[in-house]
Protein backbone atom coordinates (compact mmCIF):
# COMPACT_ATOMS: atom_id res chain seq x y z
CA UNK A 1 -0.16 0.25 -0.01
CA UNK A 2 1.16 3.61 -0.45
CA UNK A 3 0.50 6.75 2.16
CA UNK A 4 2.02 10.27 1.01
CA UNK A 5 1.78 13.04 2.91
CA UNK A 6 3.24 16.73 1.32
CA UNK A 7 3.65 20.17 3.52
CA UNK A 8 4.78 23.79 1.92
CA UNK A 9 7.62 25.13 3.72
CA UNK A 10 9.55 28.14 4.31
CA UNK A 11 13.15 27.75 2.95
CA UNK A 12 14.72 27.00 -0.55
CA UNK A 13 14.84 23.19 -0.71
CA UNK A 14 18.56 22.59 -0.43
CA UNK A 15 18.53 24.38 2.58
CA UNK A 16 15.95 22.13 3.58
CA UNK A 17 17.48 18.79 2.87
CA UNK A 18 20.40 19.95 4.90
CA UNK A 19 18.10 20.25 8.01
CA UNK A 20 17.09 16.73 7.47
CA UNK A 21 18.34 15.55 10.84
CA UNK A 22 18.35 14.00 14.40
CA UNK A 23 16.90 17.04 15.20
CA UNK A 24 13.80 16.87 13.07
CA UNK A 25 13.31 13.09 13.52
CA UNK A 26 12.98 13.95 17.24
CA UNK A 27 10.77 16.63 16.71
CA UNK A 28 8.55 14.67 14.16
CA UNK A 29 8.47 11.73 16.60
CA UNK A 30 4.64 10.35 17.39
CA UNK A 31 3.80 10.35 20.93
CA UNK A 32 4.31 7.35 23.07
CA UNK A 33 6.87 4.72 23.89
CA UNK A 34 9.86 5.11 21.57
CA UNK A 35 13.72 5.58 21.99
CA UNK A 36 15.56 6.94 19.35
CA UNK A 37 18.73 3.93 19.60
CA UNK A 38 20.59 5.22 16.66
CA UNK A 39 20.90 7.71 14.37
CA UNK A 40 23.26 8.53 11.72
CA UNK A 41 22.04 10.70 9.46
CA UNK A 42 20.21 10.87 5.92
CA UNK A 43 22.82 9.48 3.49
CA UNK A 44 22.81 6.70 1.56
CA UNK A 45 24.40 3.92 3.98
CA UNK A 46 23.02 5.71 7.08
CA UNK A 47 21.12 4.07 10.02
CA UNK A 48 18.04 4.72 11.83
CA UNK A 49 17.19 2.82 14.82
CA UNK A 50 14.15 3.21 17.16
CA UNK A 51 12.76 0.40 19.85
CA UNK A 52 9.42 0.96 20.77
CA UNK A 53 7.94 0.44 24.46
CA UNK A 54 4.69 -1.44 25.42
CA UNK A 55 2.48 -2.20 23.41
CA UNK A 56 4.49 -2.89 20.37
CA UNK A 57 7.92 -4.09 22.37
CA UNK A 58 10.04 -3.90 18.95
CA UNK A 59 12.35 -2.55 17.02
CA UNK A 60 12.34 -0.83 13.68
CA UNK A 61 15.79 -0.29 11.93
CA UNK A 62 15.90 1.36 8.85
CA UNK A 63 18.24 1.19 6.27
CA UNK A 64 18.62 4.86 3.99
CA UNK A 65 19.72 2.98 0.73
CA UNK A 66 19.46 6.01 -1.89
CA UNK A 67 20.30 9.83 -2.21
CA UNK A 68 19.57 11.78 -5.38
CA UNK A 69 19.49 15.23 -6.38
CA UNK A 70 18.16 16.51 -9.91
CA UNK A 71 17.97 20.37 -10.81
CA UNK A 72 14.18 20.59 -8.74
CA UNK A 73 14.54 17.76 -5.79
CA UNK A 74 16.89 16.06 -3.45
CA UNK A 75 15.71 13.13 -1.66
CA UNK A 76 16.77 9.85 0.38
CA UNK A 77 15.27 6.56 0.40
CA UNK A 78 14.89 4.53 3.57
CA UNK A 79 14.33 1.00 2.96
CA UNK A 80 13.03 -1.03 6.58
CA UNK A 81 15.54 -3.90 7.59
CA UNK A 82 14.02 -4.88 10.92
CA UNK A 83 10.09 -4.12 11.17
CA UNK A 84 7.91 -4.34 14.04
CA UNK A 85 4.23 -6.65 14.01
CA UNK A 86 2.63 -6.59 11.10
CA UNK A 87 5.09 -5.05 8.49
CA UNK A 88 7.16 -6.75 6.09
CA UNK A 89 8.59 -4.30 3.66
CA UNK A 90 8.94 -1.13 4.02
CA UNK A 91 10.22 2.14 1.35
CA UNK A 92 10.22 5.21 2.24
CA UNK A 93 10.92 8.37 0.06
CA UNK A 94 11.71 11.52 0.86
CA UNK A 95 11.45 14.02 -1.21
CA UNK A 96 12.29 17.91 -0.78
CA UNK A 97 11.35 19.59 -4.14
CA UNK A 98 12.24 23.25 -4.87
CA UNK A 99 9.06 25.47 -5.21
CA UNK A 100 10.81 29.07 -5.50
CA UNK A 101 13.98 30.59 -3.87
CA UNK A 102 12.48 30.34 -0.78
CA UNK A 103 9.73 28.04 -0.26
CA UNK A 104 9.73 23.93 -0.98
CA UNK A 105 7.63 20.70 -0.73
CA UNK A 106 8.67 17.80 1.55
CA UNK A 107 6.85 14.97 0.12
CA UNK A 108 6.68 11.47 1.93
CA UNK A 109 5.55 8.64 -0.01
CA UNK A 110 5.61 5.35 1.92
CA UNK A 111 5.12 2.31 0.72
CA UNK A 112 4.19 -0.63 2.82
CA UNK A 113 3.16 -4.21 2.99
CA UNK A 114 1.97 -6.43 5.82
CA UNK A 115 1.97 -9.43 3.04
CA UNK A 116 -1.59 -9.59 2.90
CA UNK A 117 -3.87 -7.17 1.79
CA UNK A 118 -6.55 -7.35 4.25
CA UNK A 119 -3.68 -6.82 7.09
CA UNK A 120 -2.81 -3.88 4.71
CA UNK A 121 -6.03 -2.03 5.12
CA UNK A 122 -6.52 -2.76 9.02
CA UNK A 123 -2.69 -1.20 9.65
CA UNK A 124 -2.93 1.52 6.85
CA UNK A 125 -5.27 3.92 8.88
CA UNK A 126 -3.10 3.78 12.03
CA UNK A 127 0.00 4.15 9.62
CA UNK A 128 -1.54 7.32 7.96
CA UNK A 129 -2.75 8.81 11.34
CA UNK A 130 0.84 8.38 12.28
CA UNK A 131 2.31 10.59 9.85
CA UNK A 132 -0.23 12.95 9.16
CA UNK A 133 0.54 15.18 12.03
CA UNK A 134 3.90 15.77 9.64
CA UNK A 135 1.78 17.98 7.39
CA UNK A 136 1.63 20.97 10.04
CA UNK A 137 5.42 19.84 11.87
CA UNK A 138 7.26 20.63 9.16
CA UNK A 139 6.06 23.88 8.37
CA UNK A 140 6.01 24.96 11.88
CA UNK A 141 9.36 23.64 12.33
CA UNK A 142 10.78 24.78 9.72
CA UNK A 143 9.84 28.24 9.94
CA UNK A 144 11.31 28.51 13.40
CA UNK A 145 14.47 26.89 11.54
CA UNK A 146 14.78 29.72 9.25
CA UNK A 147 13.80 32.68 10.99
CA UNK A 148 16.65 31.83 13.39
CA UNK A 149 18.91 32.24 10.35
CA UNK A 150 17.72 35.93 9.20
């Protein structure tokens, strides 16, 4: 299944990309028992390891497997290596698209599977609601970041 969340943010797309770091990751973290055990970055070869407490009590380890740049977009891709039940596959493309010199669009394009279309449908609302807050979290975060630079 596929989930896409978009948000328009203040800042040039290359500057926004530079802020795709641990601080942003922690800002975006959903509420609940979660520990960031490893975060080496958002570049190819980096790793993100999250441990979820009760009720999941499981790990989520993603590897950054791609990093791409074009004239109007920068992106990186994380793929789940270790996933919490019931997820079997996870691929998340983080796109930062140029809108103009002062604004960008962040697109979280996530593909997942539980291995069963019925379970996919049951998991979809949970994942969608987990990532939906990014629609307003990103603009708030980047407004604050770029106001500090001014």
